[in-house]
Amino acid sequence: MGGTLEARGETSPVFAVVALKDPLGANLDRVQIVKAWVDASGRSHERVHDVNASDGRLERAGSGALAPVGNSVDVADASYSNSIGATELTALWRDPEYEASQEALYYARAIEIPTPRHTTYAAKTMGVEAPEPTTIQERAVSSAIWVKPSR
């Protein structure tokens, strides 16, 4: 659960990510590593890296944008099916822009496939039309891992 690493040399640490779906929940869309840092001028930055995605979408994306996972939500019925996504996503990732002299933090984020939003469930119960947005992609995040600059 989180921690601090001391940079060793100029090589980025390797991050291992393993995400499993909740047994009662939705399948997984993708896993990401989020990097945050402050540059020499004091400006903060954040970069999101997709490190794995269901249905082989990451490999097909190449250097382009990752295609959407799809959507199995039936808004009128306030239901969804786990016919898309993955039950498990894993990755080994190394920061391609790593700088050993810069303090940074990293955390993992797992994103589920679209599911009905709570207002969609309520609308079905009340027999009214669901307001937009009708779906949501729930997510889970890990504790941060801080990387201190080498001395």
Foldseek 3Di string as FASTA:
>chain_A
DAEEAEDDPFFFDKDKDKDFDDPPDFAWAFKWKKKWFADPVGDIDIDIGTFDGWPCQVVVQPPHDGDAQDFQADLLVQFGDNPTHHRMDIGIDGDPPDGLQTKMKMKMKIKGHKGFDPQSVVCNVVVHHRDPPGIDIDMDMDYIYIYHHHD
